[in-house]
Amino acid sequence: MKQILWWIIAGSKGGINRARIILALHKRPYNANQLTQLSSLDYKTVRHHLDVLKKHQIIRSMGEGYGTMYSLSDQMNLRFEDFMEIWQQIDVPDVYREER
């Protein structure tokens, strides 16, 4: 899981936005529209990042359609400290660090 997190967050385009979604979902479940409002990202961009995170079993979904809610997977909750270690080590603009 730690290698996947390094790639998802630090090794690929959009990693900071995926990390921001992980941080938000660590607090509580959200749907894609709510994440769009929180992140100031385009809805399609949020959906793309959710698909990537779900593919790698970092998040899970509940429900269907527009109201689908997303939360961290059990595996991700167990490895959240690994995520935070990576988040602290990568070069992220301070404006994003405040979202923790």
Protein backbone atom coordinates (compact mmCIF):
# COMPACT_ATOMS: atom_id res chain seq x y z
CA MET A 1 0.00 0.00 0.00
CA LYS A 2 2.80 2.44 0.81
CA GLN A 3 4.29 2.09 -2.69
CA ILE A 4 0.87 2.69 -4.23
CA LEU A 5 0.43 5.80 -2.07
CA TRP A 6 3.83 7.13 -3.16
CA TRP A 7 2.84 6.69 -6.79
CA ILE A 8 -0.72 8.03 -6.38
CA ILE A 9 0.37 11.10 -4.38
CA ALA A 10 3.96 11.93 -5.27
CA GLY A 11 4.64 10.14 -8.52
CA SER A 12 1.82 11.12 -10.82
CA LYS A 13 0.09 14.21 -12.13
CA GLY A 14 -2.82 15.21 -9.91
CA GLY A 15 -1.30 13.68 -6.79
CA ILE A 16 -1.83 16.76 -4.65
CA ASN A 17 -5.52 16.83 -5.56
CA ARG A 18 -5.87 13.12 -4.77
CA ALA A 19 -4.17 13.76 -1.43
CA ARG A 20 -6.61 16.58 -0.70
CA ILE A 21 -9.50 14.21 -1.39
CA ILE A 22 -7.98 11.61 0.94
CA LEU A 23 -7.62 14.24 3.66
CA ALA A 24 -11.25 15.29 3.26
CA LEU A 25 -12.51 11.72 3.32
CA HIS A 26 -10.49 11.02 6.44
CA LYS A 27 -12.78 13.48 8.24
CA ARG A 28 -16.10 12.11 6.89
CA PRO A 29 -17.79 10.63 3.79
CA TYR A 30 -18.63 12.96 0.90
CA ASN A 31 -20.24 12.66 -2.51
CA ALA A 32 -18.49 13.89 -5.65
CA ASN A 33 -20.40 17.17 -5.73
CA GLN A 34 -19.48 17.96 -2.12
CA LEU A 35 -15.82 17.18 -2.87
CA THR A 36 -16.03 19.49 -5.88
CA GLN A 37 -17.20 22.33 -3.64
CA LEU A 38 -14.56 21.60 -0.99
CA SER A 39 -11.69 21.37 -3.42
CA SER A 40 -12.66 24.03 -5.97
CA LEU A 41 -11.95 21.45 -8.66
CA ASP A 42 -14.07 20.71 -11.71
CA TYR A 43 -16.64 17.91 -11.19
CA LYS A 44 -15.10 15.74 -13.94
CA THR A 45 -11.67 16.17 -12.37
CA VAL A 46 -12.97 15.07 -8.97
CA ARG A 47 -14.69 12.06 -10.58
CA HIS A 48 -11.43 11.11 -12.31
CA HIS A 49 -9.50 11.26 -9.03
CA LEU A 50 -12.20 9.26 -7.24
CA ASP A 51 -11.97 6.59 -9.95
CA VAL A 52 -8.18 6.39 -9.55
CA LEU A 53 -8.45 6.16 -5.76
CA LYS A 54 -11.17 3.53 -5.96
CA LYS A 55 -9.22 1.46 -8.51
CA HIS A 56 -6.33 1.27 -6.04
CA GLN A 57 -8.61 0.43 -3.11
CA ILE A 58 -7.84 3.65 -1.26
CA ILE A 59 -11.50 4.63 -1.11
CA ARG A 60 -14.81 2.81 -1.30
CA SER A 61 -18.21 3.93 -2.48
CA MET A 62 -21.67 3.50 -1.01
CA GLY A 63 -24.85 3.94 -3.01
CA GLU A 64 -25.33 4.64 -6.68
CA GLY A 65 -25.64 7.51 -9.09
CA TYR A 66 -25.37 11.15 -8.14
CA GLY A 67 -25.71 10.45 -4.42
CA THR A 68 -22.85 7.94 -4.23
CA MET A 69 -20.90 8.59 -1.07
CA TYR A 70 -17.17 7.96 -0.78
CA SER A 71 -15.09 7.15 2.27
CA LEU A 72 -11.63 5.77 2.94
CA SER A 73 -11.29 2.02 2.63
CA ASP A 74 -10.56 -0.01 5.74
CA GLN A 75 -7.09 -0.70 4.36
CA MET A 76 -6.44 3.02 3.88
CA ASN A 77 -7.67 3.83 7.38
CA LEU A 78 -5.15 1.32 8.72
CA ARG A 79 -2.37 2.91 6.64
CA PHE A 80 -3.32 6.56 7.12
CA GLU A 81 -0.09 7.28 9.00
CA ASP A 82 1.85 6.10 5.92
CA PHE A 83 -0.15 8.58 3.86
CA MET A 84 0.62 11.38 6.32
CA GLU A 85 4.32 10.53 6.21
CA ILE A 86 4.28 10.84 2.42
CA TRP A 87 2.21 14.05 2.59
CA GLN A 88 4.81 15.58 4.90
CA GLN A 89 7.72 14.61 2.64
CA ILE A 90 6.46 15.92 -0.69
CA ASP A 91 6.74 19.50 -1.88
CA VAL A 92 3.23 20.89 -1.46
CA PRO A 93 2.25 24.58 -1.50
CA ASP A 94 1.37 25.77 2.00
CA VAL A 95 -2.19 26.62 0.99
CA TYR A 96 -2.89 22.88 0.65
CA ARG A 97 -1.20 21.91 3.90
CA GLU A 98 -3.71 24.03 5.83
CA GLU A 99 -6.51 21.61 4.85
CA ARG A 100 -5.26 18.98 7.28
